[in-house]
Full PDB file with SEQRES, HELIX, SHEET, SSBOND, CRYST1, ORIGX, SCALE, CONECT and MASTER records, all heavy atoms in Angstrom:
SEQRES   1 A   39  GLY CYS ILE SER THR THR VAL PRO LYS ALA MET ALA ASN          
SEQRES   2 A   39  SER LEU TRP ASP THR ARG ALA ILE SER TYR LEU GLY CYS          
SEQRES   3 A   39  ALA VAL GLN LEU PHE PHE PHE LEU PHE LEU PHE THR ALA          
HELIX    1 AA1 CYS A    2  TRP A   16  1                                  15    
HELIX    2 AA2 TYR A   23  THR A   38  1                                  16    
CRYST1    1.000    1.000    1.000  90.00  90.00  90.00 P 1           1          
ORIGX1      1.000000  0.000000  0.000000        0.00000                         
ORIGX2      0.000000  1.000000  0.000000        0.00000                         
ORIGX3      0.000000  0.000000  1.000000        0.00000                         
SCALE1      1.000000  0.000000  0.000000        0.00000                         
SCALE2      0.000000  1.000000  0.000000        0.00000                         
SCALE3      0.000000  0.000000  1.000000        0.00000                         
ATOM      1  N   GLY A   1    -108.395  52.390  97.441  1.00  0.00           N  
ATOM      2  CA  GLY A   1    -108.709  52.540  96.011  1.00  0.00           C  
ATOM      3  C   GLY A   1    -108.903  53.968  95.591  1.00  0.00           C  
ATOM      4  O   GLY A   1    -108.456  54.412  94.544  1.00  0.00           O  
ATOM      5  N   CYS A   2    -109.615  54.744  96.461  1.00  0.00           N  
ATOM      6  CA  CYS A   2    -109.834  56.168  96.157  1.00  0.00           C  
ATOM      7  C   CYS A   2    -108.522  56.913  96.053  1.00  0.00           C  
ATOM      8  O   CYS A   2    -108.306  57.708  95.125  1.00  0.00           O  
ATOM      9  CB  CYS A   2    -110.685  56.798  97.217  1.00  0.00           C  
ATOM     10  SG  CYS A   2    -112.453  56.361  97.109  1.00  0.00           S  
ATOM     11  N   ILE A   3    -107.617  56.716  97.013  1.00  0.00           N  
ATOM     12  CA  ILE A   3    -106.305  57.354  96.996  1.00  0.00           C  
ATOM     13  C   ILE A   3    -105.528  56.924  95.732  1.00  0.00           C  
ATOM     14  O   ILE A   3    -104.911  57.760  95.048  1.00  0.00           O  
ATOM     15  CB  ILE A   3    -105.525  57.013  98.266  1.00  0.00           C  
ATOM     16  CG1 ILE A   3    -106.128  57.752  99.459  1.00  0.00           C  
ATOM     17  CG2 ILE A   3    -104.067  57.358  98.095  1.00  0.00           C  
ATOM     18  CD1 ILE A   3    -105.902  59.244  99.475  1.00  0.00           C  
ATOM     19  N   SER A   4    -105.534  55.618  95.408  1.00  0.00           N  
ATOM     20  CA  SER A   4    -104.783  55.105  94.294  1.00  0.00           C  
ATOM     21  C   SER A   4    -105.282  55.551  92.954  1.00  0.00           C  
ATOM     22  O   SER A   4    -104.522  55.488  91.984  1.00  0.00           O  
ATOM     23  CB  SER A   4    -104.720  53.563  94.383  1.00  0.00           C  
ATOM     24  OG  SER A   4    -104.187  53.103  95.606  1.00  0.00           O  
ATOM     25  N   THR A   5    -106.525  55.998  92.876  1.00  0.00           N  
ATOM     26  CA  THR A   5    -107.110  56.398  91.622  1.00  0.00           C  
ATOM     27  C   THR A   5    -106.619  57.739  91.131  1.00  0.00           C  
ATOM     28  O   THR A   5    -106.381  57.955  89.957  1.00  0.00           O  
ATOM     29  CB  THR A   5    -108.628  56.379  91.722  1.00  0.00           C  
ATOM     30  OG1 THR A   5    -109.102  55.105  92.055  1.00  0.00           O  
ATOM     31  CG2 THR A   5    -109.253  56.789  90.348  1.00  0.00           C  
ATOM     32  N   THR A   6    -106.408  58.648  92.055  1.00  0.00           N  
ATOM     33  CA  THR A   6    -106.051  60.038  91.687  1.00  0.00           C  
ATOM     34  C   THR A   6    -104.659  60.501  92.101  1.00  0.00           C  
ATOM     35  O   THR A   6    -103.958  61.125  91.326  1.00  0.00           O  
ATOM     36  CB  THR A   6    -107.091  61.022  92.292  1.00  0.00           C  
ATOM     37  OG1 THR A   6    -107.052  60.852  93.749  1.00  0.00           O  
ATOM     38  CG2 THR A   6    -108.483  60.747  91.805  1.00  0.00           C  
ATOM     39  N   VAL A   7    -104.229  60.144  93.307  1.00  0.00           N  
ATOM     40  CA  VAL A   7    -102.970  60.677  93.838  1.00  0.00           C  
ATOM     41  C   VAL A   7    -101.731  60.244  93.088  1.00  0.00           C  
ATOM     42  O   VAL A   7    -100.887  61.064  92.751  1.00  0.00           O  
ATOM     43  CB  VAL A   7    -102.875  60.393  95.349  1.00  0.00           C  
ATOM     44  CG1 VAL A   7    -101.498  60.836  95.902  1.00  0.00           C  
ATOM     45  CG2 VAL A   7    -103.976  61.104  96.088  1.00  0.00           C  
ATOM     46  N   PRO A   8    -101.543  58.946  92.786  1.00  0.00           N  
ATOM     47  CA  PRO A   8    -100.311  58.540  92.084  1.00  0.00           C  
ATOM     48  C   PRO A   8    -100.161  59.188  90.728  1.00  0.00           C  
ATOM     49  O   PRO A   8     -99.063  59.594  90.346  1.00  0.00           O  
ATOM     50  CB  PRO A   8    -100.475  57.008  91.926  1.00  0.00           C  
ATOM     51  CG  PRO A   8    -101.382  56.608  93.021  1.00  0.00           C  
ATOM     52  CD  PRO A   8    -102.345  57.751  93.186  1.00  0.00           C  
ATOM     53  N   LYS A   9    -101.259  59.315  89.959  1.00  0.00           N  
ATOM     54  CA  LYS A   9    -101.162  60.003  88.619  1.00  0.00           C  
ATOM     55  C   LYS A   9    -100.803  61.450  88.794  1.00  0.00           C  
ATOM     56  O   LYS A   9     -99.982  62.013  88.087  1.00  0.00           O  
ATOM     57  CB  LYS A   9    -102.490  59.855  87.908  1.00  0.00           C  
ATOM     58  CG  LYS A   9    -102.552  60.568  86.592  1.00  0.00           C  
ATOM     59  CD  LYS A   9    -101.576  60.013  85.553  1.00  0.00           C  
ATOM     60  CE  LYS A   9    -101.728  60.703  84.236  1.00  0.00           C  
ATOM     61  NZ  LYS A   9    -100.716  60.291  83.283  1.00  0.00           N  
ATOM     62  N   ALA A  10    -101.401  62.122  89.837  1.00  0.00           N  
ATOM     63  CA  ALA A  10    -101.074  63.550  90.056  1.00  0.00           C  
ATOM     64  C   ALA A  10     -99.634  63.720  90.479  1.00  0.00           C  
ATOM     65  O   ALA A  10     -98.954  64.651  90.075  1.00  0.00           O  
ATOM     66  CB  ALA A  10    -102.026  64.100  91.126  1.00  0.00           C  
ATOM     67  N   MET A  11     -99.110  62.808  91.301  1.00  0.00           N  
ATOM     68  CA  MET A  11     -97.724  62.846  91.726  1.00  0.00           C  
ATOM     69  C   MET A  11     -96.759  62.661  90.564  1.00  0.00           C  
ATOM     70  O   MET A  11     -95.762  63.349  90.429  1.00  0.00           O  
ATOM     71  CB  MET A  11     -97.453  61.831  92.848  1.00  0.00           C  
ATOM     72  CG  MET A  11     -98.188  62.136  94.141  1.00  0.00           C  
ATOM     73  SD  MET A  11     -97.953  60.808  95.358  1.00  0.00           S  
ATOM     74  CE  MET A  11     -96.203  60.943  95.629  1.00  0.00           C  
ATOM     75  N   ALA A  12     -97.116  61.673  89.700  1.00  0.00           N  
ATOM     76  CA  ALA A  12     -96.286  61.415  88.548  1.00  0.00           C  
ATOM     77  C   ALA A  12     -96.249  62.627  87.621  1.00  0.00           C  
ATOM     78  O   ALA A  12     -95.189  62.991  87.076  1.00  0.00           O  
ATOM     79  CB  ALA A  12     -96.779  60.206  87.769  1.00  0.00           C  
ATOM     80  N   ASN A  13     -97.402  63.243  87.400  1.00  0.00           N  
ATOM     81  CA  ASN A  13     -97.449  64.413  86.540  1.00  0.00           C  
ATOM     82  C   ASN A  13     -96.621  65.588  87.113  1.00  0.00           C  
ATOM     83  O   ASN A  13     -95.958  66.304  86.401  1.00  0.00           O  
ATOM     84  CB  ASN A  13     -98.893  64.877  86.375  1.00  0.00           C  
ATOM     85  CG  ASN A  13     -99.703  63.941  85.445  1.00  0.00           C  
ATOM     86  OD1 ASN A  13     -99.109  63.072  84.774  1.00  0.00           O  
ATOM     87  ND2 ASN A  13    -100.992  64.133  85.350  1.00  0.00           N  
ATOM     88  N   SER A  14     -96.679  65.667  88.449  1.00  0.00           N  
ATOM     89  CA  SER A  14     -95.888  66.723  89.096  1.00  0.00           C  
ATOM     90  C   SER A  14     -94.400  66.498  88.961  1.00  0.00           C  
ATOM     91  O   SER A  14     -93.608  67.431  88.690  1.00  0.00           O  
ATOM     92  CB  SER A  14     -96.266  66.868  90.565  1.00  0.00           C  
ATOM     93  OG  SER A  14     -95.531  67.814  91.251  1.00  0.00           O  
ATOM     94  N   LEU A  15     -93.956  65.238  89.119  1.00  0.00           N  
ATOM     95  CA  LEU A  15     -92.548  64.929  88.997  1.00  0.00           C  
ATOM     96  C   LEU A  15     -92.013  65.073  87.606  1.00  0.00           C  
ATOM     97  O   LEU A  15     -90.880  65.499  87.401  1.00  0.00           O  
ATOM     98  CB  LEU A  15     -92.302  63.492  89.535  1.00  0.00           C  
ATOM     99  CG  LEU A  15     -92.493  63.240  91.060  1.00  0.00           C  
ATOM    100  CD1 LEU A  15     -92.384  61.783  91.368  1.00  0.00           C  
ATOM    101  CD2 LEU A  15     -91.446  64.042  91.825  1.00  0.00           C  
ATOM    102  N   TRP A  16     -92.857  64.713  86.649  1.00  0.00           N  
ATOM    103  CA  TRP A  16     -92.445  64.759  85.249  1.00  0.00           C  
ATOM    104  C   TRP A  16     -92.823  66.083  84.520  1.00  0.00           C  
ATOM    105  O   TRP A  16     -92.597  66.201  83.372  1.00  0.00           O  
ATOM    106  CB  TRP A  16     -93.028  63.566  84.482  1.00  0.00           C  
ATOM    107  CG  TRP A  16     -92.497  62.247  84.967  1.00  0.00           C  
ATOM    108  CD1 TRP A  16     -91.306  62.020  85.562  1.00  0.00           C  
ATOM    109  CD2 TRP A  16     -93.165  60.992  84.925  1.00  0.00           C  
ATOM    110  NE1 TRP A  16     -91.200  60.677  85.866  1.00  0.00           N  
ATOM    111  CE2 TRP A  16     -92.315  60.036  85.499  1.00  0.00           C  
ATOM    112  CE3 TRP A  16     -94.412  60.568  84.411  1.00  0.00           C  
ATOM    113  CZ2 TRP A  16     -92.643  58.660  85.573  1.00  0.00           C  
ATOM    114  CZ3 TRP A  16     -94.762  59.230  84.507  1.00  0.00           C  
ATOM    115  CH2 TRP A  16     -93.914  58.296  85.072  1.00  0.00           C  
ATOM    116  N   ASP A  17     -93.420  66.985  85.320  1.00  0.00           N  
ATOM    117  CA  ASP A  17     -93.814  68.309  84.814  1.00  0.00           C  
ATOM    118  C   ASP A  17     -94.677  68.189  83.592  1.00  0.00           C  
ATOM    119  O   ASP A  17     -94.441  68.800  82.536  1.00  0.00           O  
ATOM    120  CB  ASP A  17     -92.566  69.106  84.458  1.00  0.00           C  
ATOM    121  CG  ASP A  17     -92.887  70.624  84.265  1.00  0.00           C  
ATOM    122  OD1 ASP A  17     -93.966  71.017  84.776  1.00  0.00           O  
ATOM    123  OD2 ASP A  17     -92.134  71.313  83.601  1.00  0.00           O  
ATOM    124  N   THR A  18     -95.736  67.400  83.712  1.00  0.00           N  
ATOM    125  CA  THR A  18     -96.690  67.216  82.602  1.00  0.00           C  
ATOM    126  C   THR A  18     -98.095  67.077  83.209  1.00  0.00           C  
ATOM    127  O   THR A  18     -98.244  66.756  84.376  1.00  0.00           O  
ATOM    128  CB  THR A  18     -96.363  65.934  81.793  1.00  0.00           C  
ATOM    129  OG1 THR A  18     -97.366  65.794  80.713  1.00  0.00           O  
ATOM    130  CG2 THR A  18     -96.397  64.695  82.670  1.00  0.00           C  
ATOM    131  N   ARG A  19     -99.091  67.356  82.372  1.00  0.00           N  
ATOM    132  CA  ARG A  19    -100.502  67.226  82.803  1.00  0.00           C  
ATOM    133  C   ARG A  19    -101.254  66.314  81.847  1.00  0.00           C  
ATOM    134  O   ARG A  19    -102.481  66.372  81.786  1.00  0.00           O  
ATOM    135  CB  ARG A  19    -101.192  68.569  82.900  1.00  0.00           C  
ATOM    136  CG  ARG A  19    -100.522  69.506  83.932  1.00  0.00           C  
ATOM    137  CD  ARG A  19    -101.289  70.805  84.098  1.00  0.00           C  
ATOM    138  NE  ARG A  19    -102.671  70.573  84.497  1.00  0.00           N  
ATOM    139  CZ  ARG A  19    -103.562  71.522  84.636  1.00  0.00           C  
ATOM    140  NH1 ARG A  19    -103.279  72.779  84.303  1.00  0.00           N  
ATOM    141  NH2 ARG A  19    -104.775  71.264  85.053  1.00  0.00           N  
ATOM    142  N   ALA A  20    -100.531  65.498  81.054  1.00  0.00           N  
ATOM    143  CA  ALA A  20    -101.186  64.744  80.001  1.00  0.00           C  
ATOM    144  C   ALA A  20    -101.812  63.484  80.594  1.00  0.00           C  
ATOM    145  O   ALA A  20    -101.268  62.817  81.463  1.00  0.00           O  
ATOM    146  CB  ALA A  20    -100.153  64.407  78.942  1.00  0.00           C  
ATOM    147  N   ILE A  21    -102.979  63.115  79.986  1.00  0.00           N  
ATOM    148  CA  ILE A  21    -103.655  61.871  80.286  1.00  0.00           C  
ATOM    149  C   ILE A  21    -104.415  61.502  79.015  1.00  0.00           C  
ATOM    150  O   ILE A  21    -104.999  62.377  78.376  1.00  0.00           O  
ATOM    151  CB  ILE A  21    -104.569  61.979  81.530  1.00  0.00           C  
ATOM    152  CG1 ILE A  21    -105.097  60.566  81.864  1.00  0.00           C  
ATOM    153  CG2 ILE A  21    -105.670  62.979  81.342  1.00  0.00           C  
ATOM    154  CD1 ILE A  21    -105.853  60.540  83.207  1.00  0.00           C  
ATOM    155  N   SER A  22    -104.424  60.234  78.675  1.00  0.00           N  
ATOM    156  CA  SER A  22    -105.135  59.815  77.484  1.00  0.00           C  
ATOM    157  C   SER A  22    -106.644  59.859  77.670  1.00  0.00           C  
ATOM    158  O   SER A  22    -107.133  59.890  78.812  1.00  0.00           O  
ATOM    159  CB  SER A  22    -104.689  58.414  77.099  1.00  0.00           C  
ATOM    160  OG  SER A  22    -105.151  57.475  78.086  1.00  0.00           O  
ATOM    161  N   TYR A  23    -107.373  59.827  76.558  1.00  0.00           N  
ATOM    162  CA  TYR A  23    -108.823  59.862  76.665  1.00  0.00           C  
ATOM    163  C   TYR A  23    -109.349  58.647  77.396  1.00  0.00           C  
ATOM    164  O   TYR A  23    -110.210  58.728  78.291  1.00  0.00           O  
ATOM    165  CB  TYR A  23    -109.375  59.924  75.244  1.00  0.00           C  
ATOM    166  CG  TYR A  23    -110.892  60.042  75.151  1.00  0.00           C  
ATOM    167  CD1 TYR A  23    -111.510  61.280  75.235  1.00  0.00           C  
ATOM    168  CD2 TYR A  23    -111.702  58.934  74.985  1.00  0.00           C  
ATOM    169  CE1 TYR A  23    -112.863  61.434  75.149  1.00  0.00           C  
ATOM    170  CE2 TYR A  23    -113.103  59.035  74.929  1.00  0.00           C  
ATOM    171  CZ  TYR A  23    -113.692  60.298  74.978  1.00  0.00           C  
ATOM    172  OH  TYR A  23    -115.031  60.435  74.906  1.00  0.00           O  
ATOM    173  N   LEU A  24    -108.799  57.475  77.055  1.00  0.00           N  
ATOM    174  CA  LEU A  24    -109.202  56.229  77.714  1.00  0.00           C  
ATOM    175  C   LEU A  24    -108.756  56.222  79.209  1.00  0.00           C  
ATOM    176  O   LEU A  24    -109.516  55.816  80.087  1.00  0.00           O  
ATOM    177  CB  LEU A  24    -108.568  55.007  77.014  1.00  0.00           C  
ATOM    178  CG  LEU A  24    -108.860  53.668  77.638  1.00  0.00           C  
ATOM    179  CD1 LEU A  24    -110.362  53.397  77.646  1.00  0.00           C  
ATOM    180  CD2 LEU A  24    -108.109  52.551  76.912  1.00  0.00           C  
ATOM    181  N   GLY A  25    -107.570  56.794  79.465  1.00  0.00           N  
ATOM    182  CA  GLY A  25    -107.106  56.869  80.851  1.00  0.00           C  
ATOM    183  C   GLY A  25    -107.974  57.781  81.678  1.00  0.00           C  
ATOM    184  O   GLY A  25    -108.273  57.490  82.875  1.00  0.00           O  
ATOM    185  N   CYS A  26    -108.486  58.846  81.085  1.00  0.00           N  
ATOM    186  CA  CYS A  26    -109.376  59.771  81.758  1.00  0.00           C  
ATOM    187  C   CYS A  26    -110.701  59.063  82.085  1.00  0.00           C  
ATOM    188  O   CYS A  26    -111.225  59.193  83.208  1.00  0.00           O  
ATOM    189  CB  CYS A  26    -109.629  61.020  80.927  1.00  0.00           C  
ATOM    190  SG  CYS A  26    -110.669  62.280  81.700  1.00  0.00           S  
ATOM    191  N   ALA A  27    -111.195  58.293  81.118  1.00  0.00           N  
ATOM    192  CA  ALA A  27    -112.505  57.573  81.345  1.00  0.00           C  
ATOM    193  C   ALA A  27    -112.297  56.509  82.455  1.00  0.00           C  
ATOM    194  O   ALA A  27    -113.219  56.363  83.309  1.00  0.00           O  
ATOM    195  CB  ALA A  27    -112.939  56.914  80.027  1.00  0.00           C  
ATOM    196  N   VAL A  28    -111.174  55.820  82.424  1.00  0.00           N  
ATOM    197  CA  VAL A  28    -110.949  54.764  83.422  1.00  0.00           C  
ATOM    198  C   VAL A  28    -110.819  55.386  84.832  1.00  0.00           C  
ATOM    199  O   VAL A  28    -111.337  54.895  85.829  1.00  0.00           O  
ATOM    200  CB  VAL A  28    -109.724  53.944  83.082  1.00  0.00           C  
ATOM    201  CG1 VAL A  28    -109.301  53.035  84.226  1.00  0.00           C  
ATOM    202  CG2 VAL A  28    -109.953  53.136  81.799  1.00  0.00           C  
ATOM    203  N   GLN A  29    -110.094  56.506  84.904  1.00  0.00           N  
ATOM    204  CA  GLN A  29    -109.906  57.218  86.149  1.00  0.00           C  
ATOM    205  C   GLN A  29    -111.268  57.687  86.722  1.00  0.00           C  
ATOM    206  O   GLN A  29    -111.535  57.515  87.932  1.00  0.00           O  
ATOM    207  CB  GLN A  29    -108.987  58.361  85.990  1.00  0.00           C  
ATOM    208  CG  GLN A  29    -108.615  59.060  87.320  1.00  0.00           C  
ATOM    209  CD  GLN A  29    -107.723  60.267  87.137  1.00  0.00           C  
ATOM    210  OE1 GLN A  29    -108.127  61.219  86.546  1.00  0.00           O  
ATOM    211  NE2 GLN A  29    -106.489  60.210  87.638  1.00  0.00           N  
ATOM    212  N   LEU A  30    -112.061  58.268  85.851  1.00  0.00           N  
ATOM    213  CA  LEU A  30    -113.362  58.737  86.317  1.00  0.00           C  
ATOM    214  C   LEU A  30    -114.290  57.587  86.767  1.00  0.00           C  
ATOM    215  O   LEU A  30    -114.936  57.673  87.821  1.00  0.00           O  
ATOM    216  CB  LEU A  30    -114.065  59.516  85.181  1.00  0.00           C  
ATOM    217  CG  LEU A  30    -115.474  60.029  85.486  1.00  0.00           C  
ATOM    218  CD1 LEU A  30    -115.438  61.019  86.627  1.00  0.00           C  
ATOM    219  CD2 LEU A  30    -116.116  60.657  84.262  1.00  0.00           C  
ATOM    220  N   PHE A  31    -114.232  56.491  86.040  1.00  0.00           N  
ATOM    221  CA  PHE A  31    -115.069  55.338  86.398  1.00  0.00           C  
ATOM    222  C   PHE A  31    -114.680  54.781  87.788  1.00  0.00           C  
ATOM    223  O   PHE A  31    -115.533  54.594  88.641  1.00  0.00           O  
ATOM    224  CB  PHE A  31    -114.905  54.238  85.355  1.00  0.00           C  
ATOM    225  CG  PHE A  31    -115.538  52.925  85.766  1.00  0.00           C  
ATOM    226  CD1 PHE A  31    -116.904  52.711  85.677  1.00  0.00           C  
ATOM    227  CD2 PHE A  31    -114.766  51.859  86.315  1.00  0.00           C  
ATOM    228  CE1 PHE A  31    -117.471  51.531  86.080  1.00  0.00           C  
ATOM    229  CE2 PHE A  31    -115.322  50.681  86.726  1.00  0.00           C  
ATOM    230  CZ  PHE A  31    -116.687  50.483  86.604  1.00  0.00           C  
ATOM    231  N   PHE A  32    -113.403  54.583  88.021  1.00  0.00           N  
ATOM    232  CA  PHE A  32    -113.018  53.990  89.301  1.00  0.00           C  
ATOM    233  C   PHE A  32    -113.180  54.972  90.458  1.00  0.00           C  
ATOM    234  O   PHE A  32    -113.525  54.585  91.569  1.00  0.00           O  
ATOM    235  CB  PHE A  32    -111.551  53.521  89.236  1.00  0.00           C  
ATOM    236  CG  PHE A  32    -111.379  52.190  88.600  1.00  0.00           C  
ATOM    237  CD1 PHE A  32    -110.900  52.036  87.280  1.00  0.00           C  
ATOM    238  CD2 PHE A  32    -111.719  51.042  89.288  1.00  0.00           C  
ATOM    239  CE1 PHE A  32    -110.778  50.783  86.726  1.00  0.00           C  
ATOM    240  CE2 PHE A  32    -111.571  49.802  88.736  1.00  0.00           C  
ATOM    241  CZ  PHE A  32    -111.110  49.707  87.465  1.00  0.00           C  
ATOM    242  N   PHE A  33    -113.016  56.259  90.175  1.00  0.00           N  
ATOM    243  CA  PHE A  33    -113.195  57.251  91.236  1.00  0.00           C  
ATOM    244  C   PHE A  33    -114.650  57.266  91.650  1.00  0.00           C  
ATOM    245  O   PHE A  33    -114.979  57.265  92.833  1.00  0.00           O  
ATOM    246  CB  PHE A  33    -112.749  58.647  90.780  1.00  0.00           C  
ATOM    247  CG  PHE A  33    -112.929  59.704  91.789  1.00  0.00           C  
ATOM    248  CD1 PHE A  33    -112.058  59.830  92.854  1.00  0.00           C  
ATOM    249  CD2 PHE A  33    -113.977  60.599  91.690  1.00  0.00           C  
ATOM    250  CE1 PHE A  33    -112.200  60.802  93.837  1.00  0.00           C  
ATOM    251  CE2 PHE A  33    -114.128  61.594  92.657  1.00  0.00           C  
ATOM    252  CZ  PHE A  33    -113.256  61.698  93.724  1.00  0.00           C  
ATOM    253  N   LEU A  34    -115.587  57.376  90.657  1.00  0.00           N  
ATOM    254  CA  LEU A  34    -116.996  57.353  90.978  1.00  0.00           C  
ATOM    255  C   LEU A  34    -117.435  56.042  91.665  1.00  0.00           C  
ATOM    256  O   LEU A  34    -118.233  56.040  92.604  1.00  0.00           O  
ATOM    257  CB  LEU A  34    -117.833  57.564  89.705  1.00  0.00           C  
ATOM    258  CG  LEU A  34    -117.809  58.983  89.136  1.00  0.00           C  
ATOM    259  CD1 LEU A  34    -118.594  58.967  87.825  1.00  0.00           C  
ATOM    260  CD2 LEU A  34    -118.424  59.959  90.101  1.00  0.00           C  
ATOM    261  N   PHE A  35    -116.924  54.911  91.135  1.00  0.00           N  
ATOM    262  CA  PHE A  35    -117.233  53.643  91.705  1.00  0.00           C  
ATOM    263  C   PHE A  35    -116.848  53.552  93.161  1.00  0.00           C  
ATOM    264  O   PHE A  35    -117.668  53.208  94.053  1.00  0.00           O  
ATOM    265  CB  PHE A  35    -116.533  52.535  90.873  1.00  0.00           C  
ATOM    266  CG  PHE A  35    -116.494  51.191  91.498  1.00  0.00           C  
ATOM    267  CD1 PHE A  35    -117.583  50.640  92.120  1.00  0.00           C  
ATOM    268  CD2 PHE A  35    -115.325  50.439  91.451  1.00  0.00           C  
ATOM    269  CE1 PHE A  35    -117.549  49.413  92.731  1.00  0.00           C  
ATOM    270  CE2 PHE A  35    -115.245  49.190  92.012  1.00  0.00           C  
ATOM    271  CZ  PHE A  35    -116.370  48.654  92.684  1.00  0.00           C  
ATOM    272  N   LEU A  36    -115.648  53.842  93.499  1.00  0.00           N  
ATOM    273  CA  LEU A  36    -115.132  53.704  94.857  1.00  0.00           C  
ATOM    274  C   LEU A  36    -115.768  54.762  95.767  1.00  0.00           C  
ATOM    275  O   LEU A  36    -116.140  54.444  96.937  1.00  0.00           O  
ATOM    276  CB  LEU A  36    -113.633  53.808  94.876  1.00  0.00           C  
ATOM    277  CG  LEU A  36    -112.900  52.718  94.112  1.00  0.00           C  
ATOM    278  CD1 LEU A  36    -111.434  53.107  93.858  1.00  0.00           C  
ATOM    279  CD2 LEU A  36    -113.005  51.379  94.771  1.00  0.00           C  
ATOM    280  N   PHE A  37    -115.928  55.970  95.308  1.00  0.00           N  
ATOM    281  CA  PHE A  37    -116.490  57.017  96.100  1.00  0.00           C  
ATOM    282  C   PHE A  37    -117.968  56.790  96.435  1.00  0.00           C  
ATOM    283  O   PHE A  37    -118.388  56.941  97.588  1.00  0.00           O  
ATOM    284  CB  PHE A  37    -116.360  58.374  95.368  1.00  0.00           C  
ATOM    285  CG  PHE A  37    -116.029  59.523  96.261  1.00  0.00           C  
ATOM    286  CD1 PHE A  37    -114.750  59.602  96.851  1.00  0.00           C  
ATOM    287  CD2 PHE A  37    -116.928  60.517  96.512  1.00  0.00           C  
ATOM    288  CE1 PHE A  37    -114.425  60.655  97.686  1.00  0.00           C  
ATOM    289  CE2 PHE A  37    -116.636  61.563  97.363  1.00  0.00           C  
ATOM    290  CZ  PHE A  37    -115.362  61.620  97.958  1.00  0.00           C  
ATOM    291  N   THR A  38    -118.726  56.319  95.434  1.00  0.00           N  
ATOM    292  CA  THR A  38    -120.164  56.032  95.671  1.00  0.00           C  
ATOM    293  C   THR A  38    -120.303  54.821  96.586  1.00  0.00           C  
ATOM    294  O   THR A  38    -121.144  54.782  97.485  1.00  0.00           O  
ATOM    295  CB  THR A  38    -120.886  55.770  94.351  1.00  0.00           C  
ATOM    296  OG1 THR A  38    -120.677  56.887  93.464  1.00  0.00           O  
ATOM    297  CG2 THR A  38    -122.337  55.578  94.572  1.00  0.00           C  
ATOM    298  N   ALA A  39    -119.496  53.792  96.375  1.00  0.00           N  
ATOM    299  CA  ALA A  39    -119.546  52.604  97.184  1.00  0.00           C  
ATOM    300  C   ALA A  39    -119.180  52.956  98.652  1.00  0.00           C  
ATOM    301  O   ALA A  39    -119.793  52.396  99.588  1.00  0.00           O  
ATOM    302  CB  ALA A  39    -118.578  51.538  96.694  1.00  0.00           C  
TER     303      ALA A  39                                                      
MASTER        0    0    0    2    0    0    0    6  302    1    0    3          
END                                                                             
């Protein structure tokens, strides 16, 4: 889960040459990263 929360989005941004993420997407990413990392 930790890998899937950050790495796929970073890889997609690198392939598509963009760094965009929505406000809701940022909140969801932060939630799952903290959740899985703390657990």
